[in-house]
Amino acid sequence: MTYRGRFAPSPTGLLHFGSLVAAVGSWLCARHAGGRWLLRVEDIDPPREVPGSAAAILAALPAFGLEADEPPLFQSGRRDAYEAAFERLRARDLVFPCWCSRADLAAAGGLHRDARCVAPPDPARPPAWRLRVPDAEIAFDDALQGPQRQNLREAAGDFVIRRVEGYHAYQLACVVDDAHQGITEVVRGCDLLDSTPRQIWLQRRLDLPTPRYLHLPLALDAQGRKLSKSERALPVDPADPLPALRRALAFLGLPPGAAGTPQVLLREALARFRPGVLPHCKARPAA
């Protein structure tokens, strides 16, 4: 099968250095394999979205030489597909309604592990819907981070796939759209490494294919915080893309290049790129 990778930003702000690293890393992996590189805008959480950020991110990527092979997919237009997947799970009795509050789950560390709601039904408000998670161990080989193993019940419990507000959760939307777009390789940051077992479990429950995974190291600021979430992390500048692009290439273990357009820098980087040059760590300072 032809390699199909993707970059899937959430429109919660402008393109940051950490997101640029993920975009460049996924683009390099796809181009090195002779495959296709797709875009997906994960705009399924309206309360967290920043108006105009989706358009700004999509406009910024070409300035860094990152051109997708297909038009971007917007998750906001895919709610019927997520609801259909949810109904498949409900028809198989794999989900249950839950009225539990954070206080109800505090004693269990915020996790729900009962495969049923422990709070009484409240007809005055809608429930969240959780996926039943048994005592199952999920193992997979990450192409950069190596063998991974997680007891899903202990680490995640019965996790939410449709929220109280009616929004479909990220885990459900992600696996439905990876299958819809034919994604064979997921290259993304290590902040999503712990989400992968949940996604694999959902893929199995929905009879969807499981792509291969590669989780890039996170870019950290001087205080060791994820750079794109820290207070001092400024957006990269698409009007002056070369400094940030050089830093992103260096962060990924490649010579940053000295001159030329973003397209030239990426072409030179691709000629030197092998997945083995990527730093074998979960996080490293952006500097």
Protein backbone atom coordinates (compact mmCIF):
# COMPACT_ATOMS: atom_id res chain seq x y z
CA MET A 1 0.00 0.00 0.00
CA THR A 2 1.24 3.50 -0.81
CA TYR A 3 2.51 5.43 2.19
CA ARG A 4 -0.07 7.98 3.31
CA GLY A 5 0.89 10.30 6.14
CA ARG A 6 -0.77 13.38 7.60
CA PHE A 7 -0.37 16.49 9.71
CA ALA A 8 -3.45 17.20 11.84
CA PRO A 9 -3.31 20.51 13.73
CA SER A 10 -6.00 21.75 16.08
CA PRO A 11 -7.08 25.36 15.44
CA THR A 12 -6.41 26.55 18.98
CA GLY A 13 -3.86 29.18 17.98
CA LEU A 14 -1.28 30.06 15.36
CA LEU A 15 1.38 27.66 14.10
CA HIS A 16 4.03 27.23 16.82
CA PHE A 17 7.52 25.77 16.64
CA GLY A 18 6.39 22.46 18.17
CA SER A 19 3.69 22.10 15.54
CA LEU A 20 6.16 23.06 12.81
CA VAL A 21 8.46 20.25 13.97
CA ALA A 22 5.58 17.77 13.70
CA ALA A 23 4.64 19.07 10.25
CA VAL A 24 8.22 18.94 8.93
CA GLY A 25 8.86 15.52 10.47
CA SER A 26 5.71 13.99 9.01
CA TRP A 27 6.41 15.61 5.62
CA LEU A 28 9.97 14.23 5.53
CA CYS A 29 8.83 10.72 6.43
CA ALA A 30 6.15 10.75 3.74
CA ARG A 31 8.42 12.15 1.02
CA HIS A 32 11.29 9.80 1.96
CA ALA A 33 8.93 6.85 1.49
CA GLY A 34 7.69 8.20 -1.85
CA GLY A 35 4.25 8.60 -0.33
CA ARG A 36 1.57 11.23 0.02
CA TRP A 37 1.25 13.86 2.72
CA LEU A 38 -2.23 15.01 3.80
CA LEU A 39 -3.68 17.70 6.03
CA ARG A 40 -6.53 17.41 8.51
CA VAL A 41 -7.89 20.26 10.60
CA GLU A 42 -9.12 18.84 13.91
CA ASP A 43 -11.82 21.44 14.54
CA ILE A 44 -14.24 19.38 16.63
CA ASP A 45 -13.91 21.29 19.91
CA PRO A 46 -15.53 24.72 19.34
CA PRO A 47 -15.01 26.01 22.92
CA ARG A 48 -11.23 25.67 22.54
CA GLU A 49 -10.90 26.96 18.97
CA VAL A 50 -9.47 30.39 18.19
CA PRO A 51 -11.33 32.13 15.35
CA GLY A 52 -9.21 32.41 12.25
CA SER A 53 -6.48 30.03 13.42
CA ALA A 54 -7.38 27.21 11.02
CA ALA A 55 -7.08 29.53 8.03
CA ALA A 56 -3.85 31.00 9.42
CA ILE A 57 -2.26 27.56 9.90
CA LEU A 58 -3.22 26.42 6.40
CA ALA A 59 -1.86 29.66 4.95
CA ALA A 60 1.41 29.36 6.91
CA LEU A 61 2.38 25.84 5.85
CA PRO A 62 3.10 26.66 2.17
CA ALA A 63 5.31 29.54 3.31
CA PHE A 64 7.52 26.87 4.93
CA GLY A 65 7.51 24.81 1.73
CA LEU A 66 4.97 22.28 3.04
CA GLU A 67 2.43 21.57 0.32
CA ALA A 68 -0.18 18.86 0.82
CA ASP A 69 -1.10 16.36 -1.88
CA GLU A 70 -4.85 16.61 -1.33
CA PRO A 71 -7.28 19.28 -0.10
CA PRO A 72 -7.44 19.50 3.72
CA LEU A 73 -10.09 17.54 5.59
CA PHE A 74 -12.06 19.50 8.20
CA GLN A 75 -13.40 17.42 11.06
CA SER A 76 -16.23 19.89 11.62
CA GLY A 77 -17.77 18.53 8.42
CA ARG A 78 -17.49 14.90 9.48
CA ARG A 79 -19.88 14.73 12.43
CA ASP A 80 -22.24 12.31 10.67
CA ALA A 81 -19.35 9.85 10.24
CA TYR A 82 -18.45 10.07 13.93
CA GLU A 83 -22.07 9.59 14.95
CA ALA A 84 -22.31 6.54 12.70
CA ALA A 85 -19.22 5.06 14.37
CA PHE A 86 -20.69 5.85 17.79
CA GLU A 87 -23.94 4.10 16.87
CA ARG A 88 -21.98 1.01 15.75
CA LEU A 89 -20.36 0.87 19.16
CA ARG A 90 -23.69 1.38 20.92
CA ALA A 91 -25.32 -1.37 18.85
CA ARG A 92 -22.60 -3.72 20.07
CA ASP A 93 -23.12 -2.64 23.71
CA LEU A 94 -19.55 -1.34 23.85
CA VAL A 95 -20.50 2.07 25.26
CA PHE A 96 -22.60 3.30 28.17
CA PRO A 97 -24.04 6.65 29.31
CA CYS A 98 -22.30 8.26 32.25
CA TRP A 99 -23.37 11.07 34.58
CA CYS A 100 -20.27 10.90 36.79
CA SER A 101 -18.78 14.20 37.89
CA ARG A 102 -15.11 14.83 38.59
CA ALA A 103 -15.90 14.55 42.29
CA ASP A 104 -17.41 11.10 41.71
CA LEU A 105 -14.16 9.91 40.11
CA ALA A 106 -11.70 11.73 42.37
CA ALA A 107 -11.04 8.68 44.55
CA ALA A 108 -10.02 6.72 41.44
CA GLY A 109 -7.63 9.40 40.22
CA GLY A 110 -10.18 10.76 37.77
CA LEU A 111 -10.47 7.46 35.90
CA HIS A 112 -13.63 5.40 35.38
CA ARG A 113 -13.06 1.66 35.62
CA ASP A 114 -16.48 0.13 36.31
CA ALA A 115 -17.75 -0.47 32.73
CA ARG A 116 -20.98 1.19 33.93
CA CYS A 117 -21.89 4.55 35.41
CA VAL A 118 -21.46 4.70 39.17
CA ALA A 119 -23.63 7.82 39.49
CA PRO A 120 -27.45 7.74 39.33
CA PRO A 121 -29.00 8.86 36.01
CA ASP A 122 -29.94 12.51 35.92
CA PRO A 123 -32.86 13.20 33.55
CA ALA A 124 -32.20 16.93 33.87
CA ARG A 125 -28.94 16.77 31.92
CA PRO A 126 -27.51 14.67 29.09
CA PRO A 127 -24.83 12.08 29.83
CA ALA A 128 -21.37 11.62 28.41
CA TRP A 129 -20.79 8.29 26.67
CA ARG A 130 -17.85 6.08 27.60
CA LEU A 131 -16.27 3.11 25.88
CA ARG A 132 -16.18 -0.03 28.02
CA VAL A 133 -12.52 -0.89 28.62
CA PRO A 134 -11.64 -4.35 30.00
CA ASP A 135 -8.43 -5.30 31.75
CA ALA A 136 -6.52 -5.40 28.45
CA GLU A 137 -2.90 -4.78 27.60
CA ILE A 138 -2.17 -3.00 24.33
CA ALA A 139 1.28 -3.40 22.80
CA PHE A 140 2.69 -1.83 19.66
CA ASP A 141 6.08 -0.97 18.18
CA ASP A 142 6.69 2.72 17.70
CA ALA A 143 9.06 3.34 14.78
CA LEU A 144 11.13 5.81 16.86
CA GLN A 145 10.28 5.22 20.52
CA GLY A 146 10.46 1.43 20.30
CA PRO A 147 8.18 -1.20 21.91
CA GLN A 148 5.26 0.26 23.89
CA ARG A 149 2.92 -1.48 26.29
CA GLN A 150 -0.02 -0.10 28.25
CA ASN A 151 -2.68 -1.63 30.46
CA LEU A 152 -5.63 0.25 29.06
CA ARG A 153 -7.90 -0.15 32.07
CA GLU A 154 -5.25 1.08 34.51
CA ALA A 155 -3.98 3.94 32.34
CA ALA A 156 -7.17 5.25 30.74
CA GLY A 157 -10.18 3.45 32.14
CA ASP A 158 -13.54 3.72 30.42
CA PHE A 159 -12.78 6.80 28.36
CA VAL A 160 -15.25 9.30 26.91
CA ILE A 161 -16.01 9.11 23.20
CA ARG A 162 -18.96 11.52 23.17
CA ARG A 163 -19.02 14.44 25.53
CA VAL A 164 -21.88 15.88 27.55
CA GLU A 165 -22.16 18.78 25.08
CA GLY A 166 -22.67 16.30 22.24
CA TYR A 167 -19.20 16.79 20.73
CA HIS A 168 -17.42 13.63 19.65
CA ALA A 169 -14.14 13.06 21.47
CA TYR A 170 -10.76 13.35 19.80
CA GLN A 171 -9.98 9.63 20.10
CA LEU A 172 -13.08 8.61 18.14
CA ALA A 173 -12.76 11.29 15.46
CA CYS A 174 -9.07 10.55 14.99
CA VAL A 175 -9.45 6.84 14.27
CA VAL A 176 -12.48 7.36 12.02
CA ASP A 177 -10.64 9.94 9.94
CA ASP A 178 -7.36 8.03 9.77
CA ALA A 179 -9.33 5.18 8.21
CA HIS A 180 -11.34 7.51 5.98
CA GLN A 181 -8.17 9.15 4.63
CA GLY A 182 -6.38 5.83 4.23
CA ILE A 183 -3.57 6.84 6.58
CA THR A 184 -0.90 4.16 6.78
CA GLU A 185 1.66 6.03 8.92
CA VAL A 186 0.99 8.43 11.80
CA VAL A 187 3.96 10.70 12.55
CA ARG A 188 3.22 13.10 15.42
CA GLY A 189 4.56 14.40 18.72
CA CYS A 190 5.19 12.31 21.83
CA ASP A 191 2.43 14.14 23.68
CA LEU A 192 0.07 11.75 21.88
CA LEU A 193 2.04 8.57 22.57
CA ASP A 194 -0.20 7.65 25.52
CA SER A 195 -3.30 8.13 23.33
CA THR A 196 -2.18 5.49 20.85
CA PRO A 197 -3.36 2.43 22.85
CA ARG A 198 -6.83 3.96 23.16
CA GLN A 199 -6.91 4.56 19.42
CA ILE A 200 -5.75 1.02 18.68
CA TRP A 201 -8.49 -0.33 20.95
CA LEU A 202 -11.10 1.77 19.16
CA GLN A 203 -9.79 0.63 15.78
CA ARG A 204 -10.27 -2.98 16.85
CA ARG A 205 -13.78 -2.33 18.15
CA LEU A 206 -14.75 -0.60 14.88
CA ASP A 207 -12.96 -3.10 12.59
CA LEU A 208 -10.69 -0.35 11.26
CA PRO A 209 -7.07 -0.79 10.15
CA THR A 210 -4.26 0.20 12.50
CA PRO A 211 -1.59 2.41 10.92
CA ARG A 212 2.06 2.36 11.92
CA TYR A 213 3.11 4.99 14.43
CA LEU A 214 6.18 7.19 14.89
CA HIS A 215 6.21 9.70 17.74
CA LEU A 216 8.65 12.58 17.44
CA PRO A 217 10.33 14.16 20.47
CA LEU A 218 8.55 17.14 21.95
CA ALA A 219 10.16 20.57 21.78
CA LEU A 220 10.62 21.96 25.29
CA ASP A 221 11.30 25.47 26.53
CA ALA A 222 13.97 26.36 29.08
CA GLN A 223 11.65 25.34 31.94
CA GLY A 224 11.03 21.90 30.43
CA ARG A 225 7.48 22.65 29.31
CA LYS A 226 6.00 21.67 25.98
CA LEU A 227 6.96 24.64 23.84
CA SER A 228 3.68 25.16 22.00
CA LYS A 229 1.80 25.35 25.32
CA SER A 230 4.20 27.52 27.30
CA GLU A 231 3.47 31.16 27.90
CA ARG A 232 6.57 32.34 26.03
CA ALA A 233 6.14 30.19 22.94
CA LEU A 234 5.58 32.64 20.10
CA PRO A 235 4.10 31.67 16.74
CA VAL A 236 6.53 31.01 13.90
CA ASP A 237 6.58 33.77 11.29
CA PRO A 238 5.46 32.71 7.80
CA ALA A 239 6.66 36.07 6.48
CA ASP A 240 10.20 35.09 7.52
CA PRO A 241 10.14 31.27 7.44
CA LEU A 242 13.83 30.39 7.13
CA PRO A 243 14.96 30.86 10.77
CA ALA A 244 12.21 28.65 12.21
CA LEU A 245 12.55 26.08 9.41
CA ARG A 246 16.30 25.78 9.99
CA ARG A 247 15.70 25.31 13.72
CA ALA A 248 13.07 22.65 13.03
CA LEU A 249 15.42 20.71 10.75
CA ALA A 250 18.21 20.92 13.31
CA PHE A 251 15.82 19.77 16.04
CA LEU A 252 15.07 16.69 13.90
CA GLY A 253 18.76 15.86 13.54
CA LEU A 254 19.40 17.33 10.10
CA PRO A 255 21.85 20.01 8.95
CA PRO A 256 19.75 23.17 8.96
CA GLY A 257 21.03 24.56 5.65
CA ALA A 258 22.41 28.03 5.17
CA ALA A 259 20.71 29.70 2.24
CA GLY A 260 17.92 29.37 -0.26
CA THR A 261 14.16 29.23 -0.20
CA PRO A 262 12.19 26.95 2.13
CA GLN A 263 11.69 24.61 -0.82
CA VAL A 264 15.47 24.41 -1.35
CA LEU A 265 16.12 23.73 2.36
CA LEU A 266 13.51 20.98 2.40
CA ARG A 267 14.85 19.42 -0.79
CA GLU A 268 18.37 19.34 0.64
CA ALA A 269 17.10 17.96 3.95
CA LEU A 270 15.13 15.25 2.18
CA ALA A 271 18.23 14.14 0.27
CA ARG A 272 19.98 13.54 3.64
CA PHE A 273 16.99 12.26 5.55
CA ARG A 274 16.64 8.76 6.93
CA PRO A 275 14.28 7.90 9.79
CA GLY A 276 17.34 6.78 11.74
CA VAL A 277 18.62 10.37 12.01
CA LEU A 278 15.65 11.38 14.16
CA PRO A 279 16.55 11.87 17.83
CA HIS A 280 15.68 8.79 19.86
CA CYS A 281 14.12 10.57 22.83
CA LYS A 282 10.67 11.68 23.96
CA ALA A 283 11.53 15.35 24.47
CA ARG A 284 14.42 17.75 24.05
CA PRO A 285 15.04 21.49 24.40
CA ALA A 286 14.05 23.50 21.39
CA ALA A 287 17.32 25.41 21.52
